[in-house]
């Protein structure tokens, strides 16, 4: 059975990422560590979709695992096609906006995340993760969406 699965594997991984805004219209980014792709870069919460999992469920699960926050009322925003040629990794990332969230922010995966920090769209760090760079290059108006409830 494993040989059949390997033959069907196109080498493209699917992940999700979510914009979580605070009351100041800043969104949450985490600084990656010990990562094959994008080590030391800033990324949105999210991660790899597991087999038979819905993208929204992936997003909710990954945010809880990474930040201890609970997100809900997810709105699909767009996707990015991210090629990390140096690492031989190819990802399709589905982006969401969380309309609601609750909880106390913490670093739950200390081996994968150095810190979580809120950023203003006009004051982002230079070293953004590739998928986030690709989405921001689309010049989407993130603030045209319904105000998040915190």
N, C-alpha and C. Protein backbone atom coordinates (compact mmCIF):
# COMPACT_ATOMS: atom_id res chain seq x y z
N UNK A 1 0.82 -1.20 0.00
CA UNK A 1 0.00 0.00 0.00
C UNK A 1 0.86 1.26 0.00
N UNK A 2 1.98 1.21 0.73
CA UNK A 2 2.85 2.37 0.82
C UNK A 2 3.40 2.75 -0.56
N UNK A 3 3.73 1.75 -1.39
CA UNK A 3 4.24 2.04 -2.73
C UNK A 3 3.21 2.78 -3.57
N UNK A 4 1.95 2.43 -3.43
CA UNK A 4 0.89 3.11 -4.18
C UNK A 4 0.80 4.56 -3.72
N UNK A 5 0.84 4.80 -2.41
CA UNK A 5 0.77 6.16 -1.89
C UNK A 5 1.94 6.99 -2.39
N UNK A 6 3.15 6.40 -2.41
CA UNK A 6 4.32 7.14 -2.87
C UNK A 6 4.19 7.53 -4.34
N UNK A 7 3.61 6.68 -5.15
CA UNK A 7 3.44 6.98 -6.57
C UNK A 7 2.43 8.10 -6.77
N UNK A 8 1.47 8.23 -5.86
CA UNK A 8 0.46 9.27 -5.98
C UNK A 8 0.92 10.60 -5.39
N UNK A 9 1.98 10.60 -4.62
CA UNK A 9 2.48 11.81 -3.98
C UNK A 9 3.12 12.71 -5.02
N UNK A 10 2.56 13.90 -5.20
CA UNK A 10 3.08 14.86 -6.16
C UNK A 10 4.19 15.72 -5.56
N UNK A 11 4.43 15.54 -4.27
CA UNK A 11 5.47 16.32 -3.62
C UNK A 11 5.01 17.69 -3.16
N UNK A 12 3.74 18.01 -3.36
CA UNK A 12 3.20 19.29 -2.93
C UNK A 12 2.48 19.09 -1.60
N UNK A 13 2.88 19.86 -0.60
CA UNK A 13 2.24 19.78 0.70
C UNK A 13 1.22 20.91 0.80
N UNK A 14 0.16 20.67 1.56
CA UNK A 14 -0.88 21.68 1.75
C UNK A 14 -0.87 22.13 3.21
N UNK A 15 -0.88 23.43 3.38
CA UNK A 15 -0.91 24.00 4.72
C UNK A 15 -1.92 25.12 4.79
N UNK A 16 -2.13 25.60 6.00
CA UNK A 16 -3.02 26.75 6.20
C UNK A 16 -2.30 27.80 7.03
N UNK A 17 -2.76 29.02 6.93
CA UNK A 17 -2.25 30.14 7.71
C UNK A 17 -3.42 31.07 7.98
N UNK A 18 -3.37 31.76 9.12
CA UNK A 18 -4.51 32.59 9.49
C UNK A 18 -4.05 33.95 10.03
N UNK A 19 -4.73 34.99 9.55
CA UNK A 19 -4.55 36.33 10.10
C UNK A 19 -5.45 36.44 11.32
N UNK A 20 -4.84 36.71 12.47
CA UNK A 20 -5.56 36.96 13.71
C UNK A 20 -5.26 38.40 14.10
N UNK A 21 -6.29 39.23 14.15
CA UNK A 21 -6.11 40.65 14.45
C UNK A 21 -6.47 40.96 15.89
N UNK A 22 -5.74 41.90 16.49
CA UNK A 22 -6.11 42.40 17.81
C UNK A 22 -6.93 43.69 17.66
N UNK A 23 -7.27 44.31 18.77
CA UNK A 23 -8.11 45.52 18.75
C UNK A 23 -7.43 46.69 18.06
N UNK A 24 -6.11 46.66 17.96
CA UNK A 24 -5.34 47.73 17.31
C UNK A 24 -5.10 47.46 15.83
N UNK A 25 -5.79 46.48 15.26
CA UNK A 25 -5.66 46.07 13.86
C UNK A 25 -4.26 45.57 13.53
N UNK A 26 -3.59 45.03 14.53
CA UNK A 26 -2.31 44.38 14.32
C UNK A 26 -2.57 42.88 14.18
N UNK A 27 -1.71 42.20 13.43
CA UNK A 27 -1.89 40.76 13.33
C UNK A 27 -0.70 40.01 13.91
N UNK A 28 -0.98 38.77 14.28
CA UNK A 28 -0.05 37.94 15.02
C UNK A 28 0.93 37.23 14.10
N UNK A 29 2.22 37.32 14.44
CA UNK A 29 3.26 36.60 13.73
C UNK A 29 4.15 35.88 14.73
N UNK A 30 4.64 34.72 14.32
CA UNK A 30 5.57 33.95 15.13
C UNK A 30 6.91 33.83 14.43
N UNK A 31 7.99 33.87 15.21
CA UNK A 31 9.33 33.73 14.64
C UNK A 31 9.73 32.26 14.67
N UNK A 32 9.94 31.68 13.49
CA UNK A 32 10.23 30.26 13.34
C UNK A 32 11.64 29.91 13.83
N UNK A 33 11.75 28.73 14.43
CA UNK A 33 13.07 28.22 14.77
C UNK A 33 13.10 26.71 14.54
N UNK A 34 14.31 26.20 14.30
CA UNK A 34 14.52 24.77 14.05
C UNK A 34 13.68 24.26 12.89
N UNK A 35 13.54 25.06 11.85
CA UNK A 35 12.69 24.71 10.71
C UNK A 35 13.52 24.50 9.45
N UNK A 36 13.12 23.52 8.65
CA UNK A 36 13.79 23.28 7.37
C UNK A 36 13.56 24.46 6.43
N UNK A 37 12.33 24.97 6.42
CA UNK A 37 12.01 26.10 5.55
C UNK A 37 11.77 27.35 6.40
N UNK A 38 12.40 28.43 6.02
CA UNK A 38 12.14 29.71 6.64
C UNK A 38 12.61 29.87 8.07
N UNK A 39 13.65 29.17 8.45
CA UNK A 39 14.16 29.30 9.81
C UNK A 39 14.52 30.75 10.11
N UNK A 40 14.03 31.29 11.23
CA UNK A 40 14.30 32.67 11.61
C UNK A 40 13.37 33.69 11.00
N UNK A 41 12.44 33.25 10.17
CA UNK A 41 11.50 34.19 9.54
C UNK A 41 10.21 34.28 10.37
N UNK A 42 9.43 35.30 10.08
CA UNK A 42 8.17 35.55 10.78
C UNK A 42 7.02 35.02 9.93
N UNK A 43 6.11 34.28 10.57
CA UNK A 43 4.99 33.68 9.84
C UNK A 43 3.71 33.78 10.65
N UNK A 44 2.61 33.59 9.95
CA UNK A 44 1.30 33.51 10.60
C UNK A 44 1.15 32.17 11.30
N UNK A 45 0.27 32.06 12.28
CA UNK A 45 -0.04 30.75 12.84
C UNK A 45 -0.65 29.86 11.76
N UNK A 46 -0.38 28.58 11.83
CA UNK A 46 -0.93 27.63 10.88
C UNK A 46 0.01 26.45 10.73
N UNK A 47 -0.30 25.58 9.79
CA UNK A 47 0.57 24.42 9.60
C UNK A 47 0.03 23.46 8.57
N UNK A 48 0.62 22.30 8.56
CA UNK A 48 0.33 21.28 7.54
C UNK A 48 -1.01 20.59 7.79
N UNK A 49 -1.75 20.44 6.71
CA UNK A 49 -3.03 19.75 6.76
C UNK A 49 -2.77 18.25 6.80
N UNK A 50 -3.47 17.57 7.69
CA UNK A 50 -3.35 16.12 7.81
C UNK A 50 -4.37 15.44 6.90
N UNK A 51 -4.08 14.21 6.55
CA UNK A 51 -4.97 13.45 5.68
C UNK A 51 -6.37 13.40 6.27
N UNK A 52 -7.36 13.61 5.44
CA UNK A 52 -8.79 13.58 5.75
C UNK A 52 -9.25 14.76 6.61
N UNK A 53 -8.41 15.75 6.77
CA UNK A 53 -8.76 16.91 7.59
C UNK A 53 -9.24 18.04 6.70
N UNK A 54 -10.26 18.76 7.14
CA UNK A 54 -10.73 19.95 6.43
C UNK A 54 -9.77 21.10 6.71
N UNK A 55 -9.55 21.98 5.73
CA UNK A 55 -8.62 23.10 5.95
C UNK A 55 -8.97 23.96 7.16
N UNK A 56 -10.24 24.20 7.38
CA UNK A 56 -10.65 25.02 8.54
C UNK A 56 -10.29 24.32 9.84
N UNK A 57 -10.46 22.99 9.87
CA UNK A 57 -10.11 22.22 11.07
C UNK A 57 -8.60 22.24 11.30
N UNK A 58 -7.82 22.19 10.21
CA UNK A 58 -6.37 22.30 10.32
C UNK A 58 -6.00 23.63 10.98
N UNK A 59 -6.62 24.69 10.50
CA UNK A 59 -6.32 26.03 11.00
C UNK A 59 -6.63 26.14 12.49
N UNK A 60 -7.81 25.69 12.88
CA UNK A 60 -8.22 25.75 14.29
C UNK A 60 -7.27 24.93 15.15
N UNK A 61 -6.95 23.71 14.71
CA UNK A 61 -6.05 22.82 15.46
C UNK A 61 -4.66 23.42 15.59
N UNK A 62 -4.10 23.89 14.48
CA UNK A 62 -2.74 24.42 14.50
C UNK A 62 -2.62 25.67 15.37
N UNK A 63 -3.60 26.56 15.31
CA UNK A 63 -3.55 27.77 16.14
C UNK A 63 -3.56 27.38 17.62
N UNK A 64 -4.40 26.45 18.00
CA UNK A 64 -4.48 26.01 19.39
C UNK A 64 -3.15 25.36 19.82
N UNK A 65 -2.60 24.50 18.95
CA UNK A 65 -1.34 23.82 19.27
C UNK A 65 -0.17 24.79 19.40
N UNK A 66 -0.18 25.85 18.59
CA UNK A 66 0.95 26.78 18.56
C UNK A 66 0.83 27.92 19.56
N UNK A 67 -0.38 28.44 19.75
CA UNK A 67 -0.55 29.70 20.51
C UNK A 67 -1.43 29.57 21.74
N UNK A 68 -2.19 28.51 21.84
CA UNK A 68 -3.21 28.28 22.87
C UNK A 68 -4.44 29.17 22.67
N UNK A 69 -4.52 29.87 21.54
CA UNK A 69 -5.71 30.67 21.22
C UNK A 69 -6.73 29.79 20.52
N UNK A 70 -8.00 30.13 20.71
CA UNK A 70 -9.09 29.45 20.01
C UNK A 70 -9.67 30.41 18.99
N UNK A 71 -9.59 30.01 17.71
CA UNK A 71 -10.13 30.84 16.64
C UNK A 71 -11.43 30.24 16.13
N UNK A 72 -12.31 31.10 15.61
CA UNK A 72 -13.56 30.64 15.03
C UNK A 72 -14.01 31.62 13.95
N UNK A 73 -15.08 31.26 13.27
CA UNK A 73 -15.61 32.08 12.18
C UNK A 73 -14.51 32.44 11.19
N UNK A 74 -13.92 31.42 10.60
CA UNK A 74 -12.85 31.63 9.64
C UNK A 74 -13.41 32.01 8.28
N UNK A 75 -12.78 32.99 7.65
CA UNK A 75 -13.16 33.40 6.30
C UNK A 75 -11.98 33.14 5.38
N UNK A 76 -12.22 32.39 4.30
CA UNK A 76 -11.15 32.11 3.34
C UNK A 76 -10.75 33.41 2.65
N UNK A 77 -9.45 33.63 2.53
CA UNK A 77 -8.93 34.85 1.93
C UNK A 77 -8.34 34.59 0.55
N UNK A 78 -7.35 33.71 0.46
CA UNK A 78 -6.67 33.41 -0.80
C UNK A 78 -5.74 32.22 -0.57
N UNK A 79 -4.92 31.93 -1.55
CA UNK A 79 -3.91 30.88 -1.39
C UNK A 79 -2.60 31.36 -2.00
N UNK A 80 -1.52 30.69 -1.62
CA UNK A 80 -0.22 30.99 -2.23
C UNK A 80 0.43 29.68 -2.67
N UNK A 81 1.24 29.78 -3.70
CA UNK A 81 1.98 28.65 -4.24
C UNK A 81 3.45 28.92 -3.93
N UNK A 82 3.99 28.21 -2.94
CA UNK A 82 5.28 28.56 -2.36
C UNK A 82 6.33 27.50 -2.66
N UNK A 83 7.38 27.89 -3.37
CA UNK A 83 8.44 26.96 -3.75
C UNK A 83 9.73 27.33 -3.04
N UNK A 84 10.14 26.45 -2.16
CA UNK A 84 11.40 26.60 -1.44
C UNK A 84 12.42 25.71 -2.16
N UNK A 85 12.94 26.20 -3.25
CA UNK A 85 13.78 25.38 -4.12
C UNK A 85 15.04 24.88 -3.42
N UNK A 86 15.65 25.71 -2.59
CA UNK A 86 16.86 25.31 -1.88
C UNK A 86 16.63 24.15 -0.93
N UNK A 87 15.42 24.07 -0.39
CA UNK A 87 15.07 23.00 0.55
C UNK A 87 14.29 21.88 -0.12
N UNK A 88 14.05 22.01 -1.45
CA UNK A 88 13.29 21.03 -2.22
C UNK A 88 11.90 20.81 -1.62
N UNK A 89 11.24 21.92 -1.23
CA UNK A 89 9.91 21.87 -0.63
C UNK A 89 8.95 22.71 -1.49
N UNK A 90 7.76 22.19 -1.70
CA UNK A 90 6.72 22.89 -2.45
C UNK A 90 5.44 22.84 -1.64
N UNK A 91 4.89 24.02 -1.34
CA UNK A 91 3.69 24.13 -0.50
C UNK A 91 2.61 24.92 -1.20
N UNK A 92 1.38 24.51 -0.99
CA UNK A 92 0.20 25.29 -1.33
C UNK A 92 -0.40 25.70 0.01
N UNK A 93 -0.47 27.00 0.26
CA UNK A 93 -0.93 27.49 1.56
C UNK A 93 -2.26 28.20 1.40
N UNK A 94 -3.26 27.77 2.19
CA UNK A 94 -4.59 28.38 2.19
C UNK A 94 -4.64 29.40 3.32
N UNK A 95 -5.01 30.64 3.00
CA UNK A 95 -5.03 31.72 3.98
C UNK A 95 -6.45 32.05 4.42
N UNK A 96 -6.59 32.25 5.72
CA UNK A 96 -7.86 32.60 6.33
C UNK A 96 -7.70 33.84 7.19
N UNK A 97 -8.84 34.45 7.52
CA UNK A 97 -8.92 35.50 8.53
C UNK A 97 -9.84 34.97 9.62
N UNK A 98 -9.39 35.05 10.87
CA UNK A 98 -10.22 34.62 12.00
C UNK A 98 -11.09 35.81 12.41
N UNK A 99 -12.39 35.65 12.34
CA UNK A 99 -13.32 36.71 12.74
C UNK A 99 -13.44 36.80 14.26
N UNK A 100 -13.21 35.70 14.94
CA UNK A 100 -13.29 35.66 16.40
C UNK A 100 -12.12 34.86 16.95
N UNK A 101 -11.66 35.27 18.10
CA UNK A 101 -10.66 34.49 18.82
C UNK A 101 -10.75 34.81 20.30
N UNK A 102 -10.25 33.88 21.08
CA UNK A 102 -10.22 34.08 22.53
C UNK A 102 -9.08 33.27 23.11
N UNK A 103 -8.71 33.65 24.33
CA UNK A 103 -7.64 32.93 25.02
C UNK A 103 -6.48 33.85 25.35
N UNK A 104 -5.50 33.24 25.98
CA UNK A 104 -4.28 33.95 26.35
C UNK A 104 -3.14 33.43 25.50
N UNK A 105 -2.49 34.32 24.80
CA UNK A 105 -1.41 33.96 23.89
C UNK A 105 -0.22 33.39 24.66
N UNK A 106 0.28 32.26 24.18
CA UNK A 106 1.50 31.69 24.76
C UNK A 106 2.24 30.90 23.68
N UNK A 107 3.50 30.63 23.93
CA UNK A 107 4.32 29.81 23.02
C UNK A 107 4.14 28.36 23.45
N UNK A 108 3.36 27.60 22.69
CA UNK A 108 3.07 26.21 23.04
C UNK A 108 4.11 25.24 22.47
N UNK A 109 4.71 25.60 21.35
CA UNK A 109 5.71 24.73 20.72
C UNK A 109 7.07 25.43 20.80
N UNK A 110 7.69 25.34 21.95
CA UNK A 110 8.93 26.08 22.20
C UNK A 110 10.08 25.62 21.31
N UNK A 111 9.98 24.43 20.76
CA UNK A 111 11.01 23.93 19.85
C UNK A 111 10.85 24.47 18.42
N UNK A 112 9.68 25.06 18.11
CA UNK A 112 9.40 25.54 16.76
C UNK A 112 9.22 27.06 16.66
N UNK A 113 8.95 27.71 17.78
CA UNK A 113 8.64 29.14 17.75
C UNK A 113 9.44 29.87 18.82
N UNK A 114 10.16 30.90 18.40
CA UNK A 114 10.96 31.69 19.32
C UNK A 114 10.10 32.69 20.09
N UNK A 115 9.14 33.32 19.39
CA UNK A 115 8.25 34.29 20.03
C UNK A 115 7.04 34.58 19.15
N UNK A 116 5.97 35.06 19.78
CA UNK A 116 4.78 35.57 19.10
C UNK A 116 4.73 37.06 19.35
N UNK A 117 4.37 37.82 18.31
CA UNK A 117 4.34 39.27 18.45
C UNK A 117 3.27 39.84 17.51
N UNK A 118 2.63 40.92 17.94
CA UNK A 118 1.63 41.62 17.14
C UNK A 118 2.32 42.68 16.29
N UNK A 119 1.95 42.74 15.00
CA UNK A 119 2.57 43.69 14.08
C UNK A 119 1.51 44.51 13.35
N UNK A 120 1.85 45.77 13.12
CA UNK A 120 1.05 46.65 12.29
C UNK A 120 1.42 46.38 10.83
N UNK A 121 0.45 46.43 9.95
CA UNK A 121 0.70 46.14 8.53
C UNK A 121 1.76 47.07 7.94
N UNK A 122 1.90 48.27 8.48
CA UNK A 122 2.88 49.24 7.98
C UNK A 122 4.22 49.17 8.70
N UNK A 123 4.38 48.22 9.60
CA UNK A 123 5.62 48.10 10.36
C UNK A 123 5.98 46.62 10.57
N UNK A 124 6.15 45.92 9.46
CA UNK A 124 6.44 44.49 9.51
C UNK A 124 7.95 44.25 9.53
N UNK A 125 8.38 43.14 10.13
CA UNK A 125 9.82 42.82 10.10
C UNK A 125 10.25 42.49 8.67
N UNK A 126 11.55 42.59 8.42
CA UNK A 126 12.09 42.35 7.08
C UNK A 126 12.04 40.88 6.68
N UNK A 127 12.24 39.99 7.61
CA UNK A 127 12.39 38.57 7.29
C UNK A 127 11.06 37.82 7.42
N UNK A 128 10.16 38.07 6.46
CA UNK A 128 8.86 37.39 6.46
C UNK A 128 8.97 36.04 5.76
N UNK A 129 8.21 35.07 6.24
CA UNK A 129 8.13 33.75 5.64
C UNK A 129 7.61 33.87 4.21
N UNK A 130 8.09 33.02 3.31
CA UNK A 130 7.79 33.12 1.88
C UNK A 130 6.29 33.18 1.59
N UNK A 131 5.49 32.32 2.19
CA UNK A 131 4.05 32.33 1.88
C UNK A 131 3.41 33.65 2.29
N UNK A 132 3.83 34.22 3.40
CA UNK A 132 3.30 35.52 3.83
C UNK A 132 3.74 36.62 2.87
N UNK A 133 4.99 36.59 2.44
CA UNK A 133 5.47 37.55 1.44
C UNK A 133 4.61 37.47 0.18
N UNK A 134 4.37 36.24 -0.29
CA UNK A 134 3.60 36.06 -1.52
C UNK A 134 2.18 36.62 -1.39
N UNK A 135 1.54 36.43 -0.24
CA UNK A 135 0.18 36.94 -0.05
C UNK A 135 0.19 38.45 0.08
N UNK A 136 1.13 38.99 0.81
CA UNK A 136 1.19 40.45 0.95
C UNK A 136 1.48 41.14 -0.38
N UNK A 137 2.19 40.45 -1.27
CA UNK A 137 2.46 40.99 -2.61
C UNK A 137 1.21 41.09 -3.47
N UNK A 138 0.13 40.40 -3.07
CA UNK A 138 -1.13 40.48 -3.81
C UNK A 138 -1.85 41.81 -3.54
N UNK A 139 -1.37 42.55 -2.54
CA UNK A 139 -1.97 43.83 -2.15
C UNK A 139 -3.45 43.71 -1.81
N UNK A 140 -3.79 42.69 -1.07
CA UNK A 140 -5.17 42.51 -0.62
C UNK A 140 -5.46 43.54 0.47
N UNK A 141 -6.68 44.01 0.53
CA UNK A 141 -7.07 44.91 1.60
C UNK A 141 -7.58 44.07 2.76
N UNK A 142 -6.67 43.74 3.67
CA UNK A 142 -7.03 42.89 4.80
C UNK A 142 -8.06 43.55 5.70
N UNK A 143 -8.13 44.88 5.68
CA UNK A 143 -9.02 45.59 6.60
C UNK A 143 -10.39 45.84 6.01
N UNK A 144 -10.61 45.40 4.77
CA UNK A 144 -11.94 45.55 4.18
C UNK A 144 -12.87 44.45 4.68
N UNK A 145 -12.30 43.45 5.32
CA UNK A 145 -13.10 42.37 5.86
C UNK A 145 -13.80 42.85 7.13
N UNK A 146 -14.84 42.15 7.50
CA UNK A 146 -15.59 42.46 8.72
C UNK A 146 -14.65 42.54 9.93
N UNK A 147 -14.87 43.53 10.78
CA UNK A 147 -14.05 43.69 11.99
C UNK A 147 -14.07 42.42 12.81
N UNK A 148 -12.89 41.94 13.21
CA UNK A 148 -12.87 40.76 14.08
C UNK A 148 -13.43 41.07 15.46
N UNK A 149 -14.04 40.07 16.07
CA UNK A 149 -14.54 40.20 17.44
C UNK A 149 -13.54 39.54 18.36
N UNK A 150 -13.11 40.26 19.35
CA UNK A 150 -12.11 39.74 20.28
C UNK A 150 -12.75 39.49 21.63
